[in-house]
Amino acid sequence: MQRLLIILGLAVLAAGIFWPWLARLPLGRLPGDIRIETEGGGFFFPIVTCLVISVVLSLLLWFFRK
């Protein structure tokens, strides 16, 4: 558990440091992401972005476990 928390902390730290470059990636604006905007507000569900992130993380975890 300690190792997992340290790794998660380092990942959050790295994301914070590299945020200017990560913000330029098109994640959250991919075709297939659901965006509904009305006069009273809006709804956004990044389904394709979630799928892409899930596949990438699954491949990384599979690679590091081998």
N, C-alpha and C. Protein backbone atom coordinates (compact mmCIF):
# COMPACT_ATOMS: atom_id res chain seq x y z
N MET A 1 0.82 -1.19 0.00
CA MET A 1 0.00 0.00 0.00
C MET A 1 0.87 1.26 0.00
N GLN A 2 1.96 1.23 0.74
CA GLN A 2 2.84 2.39 0.79
C GLN A 2 3.46 2.66 -0.58
N ARG A 3 3.87 1.61 -1.25
CA ARG A 3 4.49 1.76 -2.57
C ARG A 3 3.48 2.34 -3.56
N LEU A 4 2.24 1.89 -3.49
CA LEU A 4 1.19 2.39 -4.37
C LEU A 4 0.94 3.88 -4.13
N LEU A 5 0.87 4.29 -2.88
CA LEU A 5 0.66 5.70 -2.57
C LEU A 5 1.82 6.58 -3.03
N ILE A 6 3.03 6.08 -2.90
CA ILE A 6 4.20 6.83 -3.36
C ILE A 6 4.17 6.97 -4.88
N ILE A 7 3.83 5.89 -5.57
CA ILE A 7 3.77 5.94 -7.04
C ILE A 7 2.67 6.89 -7.49
N LEU A 8 1.50 6.83 -6.85
CA LEU A 8 0.42 7.75 -7.20
C LEU A 8 0.81 9.21 -6.94
N GLY A 9 1.50 9.45 -5.84
CA GLY A 9 1.97 10.80 -5.54
C GLY A 9 2.96 11.30 -6.57
N LEU A 10 3.86 10.45 -6.98
CA LEU A 10 4.83 10.83 -8.01
C LEU A 10 4.15 11.07 -9.35
N ALA A 11 3.11 10.28 -9.66
CA ALA A 11 2.37 10.48 -10.92
C ALA A 11 1.64 11.82 -10.90
N VAL A 12 1.04 12.17 -9.78
CA VAL A 12 0.36 13.47 -9.67
C VAL A 12 1.37 14.61 -9.76
N LEU A 13 2.52 14.45 -9.14
CA LEU A 13 3.57 15.45 -9.22
C LEU A 13 4.05 15.63 -10.65
N ALA A 14 4.27 14.52 -11.36
CA ALA A 14 4.72 14.60 -12.75
C ALA A 14 3.65 15.25 -13.62
N ALA A 15 2.38 14.93 -13.40
CA ALA A 15 1.30 15.55 -14.16
C ALA A 15 1.27 17.06 -13.91
N GLY A 16 1.51 17.47 -12.68
CA GLY A 16 1.55 18.89 -12.37
C GLY A 16 2.71 19.61 -13.02
N ILE A 17 3.85 18.96 -13.06
CA ILE A 17 5.03 19.58 -13.68
C ILE A 17 4.86 19.69 -15.19
N PHE A 18 4.32 18.64 -15.81
CA PHE A 18 4.18 18.62 -17.26
C PHE A 18 2.83 19.13 -17.74
N TRP A 19 2.05 19.79 -16.89
CA TRP A 19 0.71 20.24 -17.26
C TRP A 19 0.67 21.16 -18.48
N PRO A 20 1.60 22.10 -18.65
CA PRO A 20 1.54 22.94 -19.86
C PRO A 20 1.58 22.13 -21.16
N TRP A 21 2.29 21.02 -21.17
CA TRP A 21 2.35 20.19 -22.37
C TRP A 21 1.18 19.23 -22.43
N LEU A 22 0.73 18.74 -21.27
CA LEU A 22 -0.41 17.82 -21.25
C LEU A 22 -1.70 18.51 -21.65
N ALA A 23 -1.82 19.79 -21.37
CA ALA A 23 -3.04 20.53 -21.69
C ALA A 23 -3.22 20.68 -23.20
N ARG A 24 -2.15 20.55 -23.96
CA ARG A 24 -2.23 20.67 -25.42
C ARG A 24 -2.75 19.40 -26.09
N LEU A 25 -2.79 18.28 -25.36
CA LEU A 25 -3.31 17.04 -25.93
C LEU A 25 -4.81 17.17 -26.15
N PRO A 26 -5.34 16.52 -27.17
CA PRO A 26 -6.78 16.69 -27.48
C PRO A 26 -7.70 15.87 -26.58
N LEU A 27 -7.21 15.35 -25.45
CA LEU A 27 -8.08 14.57 -24.58
C LEU A 27 -9.19 15.45 -24.04
N GLY A 28 -10.41 14.94 -24.07
CA GLY A 28 -11.56 15.71 -23.65
C GLY A 28 -12.26 16.40 -24.80
N ARG A 29 -11.64 16.37 -25.98
CA ARG A 29 -12.22 17.00 -27.17
C ARG A 29 -12.21 16.02 -28.35
N LEU A 30 -12.25 14.74 -28.05
CA LEU A 30 -12.20 13.73 -29.10
C LEU A 30 -13.58 13.54 -29.73
N PRO A 31 -13.63 13.10 -30.98
CA PRO A 31 -14.93 12.77 -31.58
C PRO A 31 -15.58 11.63 -30.79
N GLY A 32 -16.82 11.76 -30.48
CA GLY A 32 -17.53 10.76 -29.69
C GLY A 32 -17.76 11.19 -28.26
N ASP A 33 -17.06 12.21 -27.80
CA ASP A 33 -17.33 12.76 -26.48
C ASP A 33 -18.67 13.49 -26.53
N ILE A 34 -19.50 13.27 -25.54
CA ILE A 34 -20.85 13.81 -25.54
C ILE A 34 -20.84 15.19 -24.89
N ARG A 35 -21.36 16.16 -25.62
CA ARG A 35 -21.45 17.53 -25.11
C ARG A 35 -22.85 18.06 -25.45
N ILE A 36 -23.61 18.39 -24.41
CA ILE A 36 -24.94 18.96 -24.59
C ILE A 36 -24.96 20.31 -23.88
N GLU A 37 -25.19 21.35 -24.64
CA GLU A 37 -25.23 22.70 -24.07
C GLU A 37 -26.61 23.30 -24.30
N THR A 38 -27.20 23.82 -23.24
CA THR A 38 -28.49 24.48 -23.31
C THR A 38 -28.36 25.88 -22.72
N GLU A 39 -29.44 26.61 -22.73
CA GLU A 39 -29.41 27.97 -22.17
C GLU A 39 -29.17 27.95 -20.67
N GLY A 40 -29.69 26.95 -19.99
CA GLY A 40 -29.58 26.89 -18.53
C GLY A 40 -28.33 26.19 -18.03
N GLY A 41 -27.49 25.70 -18.89
CA GLY A 41 -26.29 25.00 -18.44
C GLY A 41 -25.82 24.03 -19.49
N GLY A 42 -25.09 23.05 -19.05
CA GLY A 42 -24.56 22.10 -20.02
C GLY A 42 -24.18 20.79 -19.36
N PHE A 43 -23.94 19.81 -20.19
CA PHE A 43 -23.53 18.48 -19.74
C PHE A 43 -22.42 18.01 -20.66
N PHE A 44 -21.37 17.45 -20.06
CA PHE A 44 -20.23 16.96 -20.84
C PHE A 44 -19.82 15.61 -20.29
N PHE A 45 -19.78 14.61 -21.16
CA PHE A 45 -19.34 13.27 -20.76
C PHE A 45 -18.30 12.78 -21.76
N PRO A 46 -17.04 12.74 -21.37
CA PRO A 46 -15.96 12.36 -22.31
C PRO A 46 -15.80 10.84 -22.42
N ILE A 47 -16.77 10.17 -23.03
CA ILE A 47 -16.76 8.70 -23.08
C ILE A 47 -15.58 8.16 -23.89
N VAL A 48 -15.28 8.74 -25.03
CA VAL A 48 -14.17 8.24 -25.86
C VAL A 48 -12.84 8.52 -25.17
N THR A 49 -12.72 9.66 -24.54
CA THR A 49 -11.50 9.98 -23.79
C THR A 49 -11.30 8.98 -22.66
N CYS A 50 -12.36 8.62 -21.96
CA CYS A 50 -12.27 7.62 -20.89
C CYS A 50 -11.82 6.27 -21.44
N LEU A 51 -12.34 5.89 -22.59
CA LEU A 51 -11.94 4.62 -23.20
C LEU A 51 -10.46 4.62 -23.61
N VAL A 52 -10.01 5.72 -24.18
CA VAL A 52 -8.59 5.82 -24.59
C VAL A 52 -7.68 5.74 -23.38
N ILE A 53 -8.01 6.47 -22.33
CA ILE A 53 -7.18 6.44 -21.11
C ILE A 53 -7.20 5.05 -20.49
N SER A 54 -8.34 4.38 -20.49
CA SER A 54 -8.44 3.04 -19.94
C SER A 54 -7.57 2.05 -20.71
N VAL A 55 -7.59 2.12 -22.02
CA VAL A 55 -6.77 1.21 -22.84
C VAL A 55 -5.29 1.47 -22.60
N VAL A 56 -4.89 2.72 -22.56
CA VAL A 56 -3.48 3.06 -22.35
C VAL A 56 -3.01 2.59 -20.98
N LEU A 57 -3.80 2.84 -19.94
CA LEU A 57 -3.41 2.39 -18.60
C LEU A 57 -3.38 0.87 -18.50
N SER A 58 -4.34 0.20 -19.14
CA SER A 58 -4.34 -1.27 -19.13
C SER A 58 -3.10 -1.83 -19.81
N LEU A 59 -2.72 -1.24 -20.94
CA LEU A 59 -1.52 -1.70 -21.63
C LEU A 59 -0.26 -1.44 -20.80
N LEU A 60 -0.19 -0.28 -20.16
CA LEU A 60 0.98 0.02 -19.32
C LEU A 60 1.07 -0.94 -18.13
N LEU A 61 -0.04 -1.20 -17.47
CA LEU A 61 -0.02 -2.12 -16.35
C LEU A 61 0.33 -3.53 -16.80
N TRP A 62 -0.20 -3.96 -17.95
CA TRP A 62 0.12 -5.28 -18.47
C TRP A 62 1.60 -5.38 -18.81
N PHE A 63 2.15 -4.31 -19.39
CA PHE A 63 3.57 -4.30 -19.77
C PHE A 63 4.48 -4.37 -18.55
N PHE A 64 4.15 -3.60 -17.50
CA PHE A 64 5.02 -3.57 -16.32
C PHE A 64 4.89 -4.81 -15.44
N ARG A 65 3.80 -5.55 -15.56
CA ARG A 65 3.64 -6.77 -14.77
C ARG A 65 4.39 -7.95 -15.38
N LYS A 66 4.69 -7.88 -16.66
CA LYS A 66 5.42 -8.98 -17.31
C LYS A 66 6.88 -8.95 -17.00
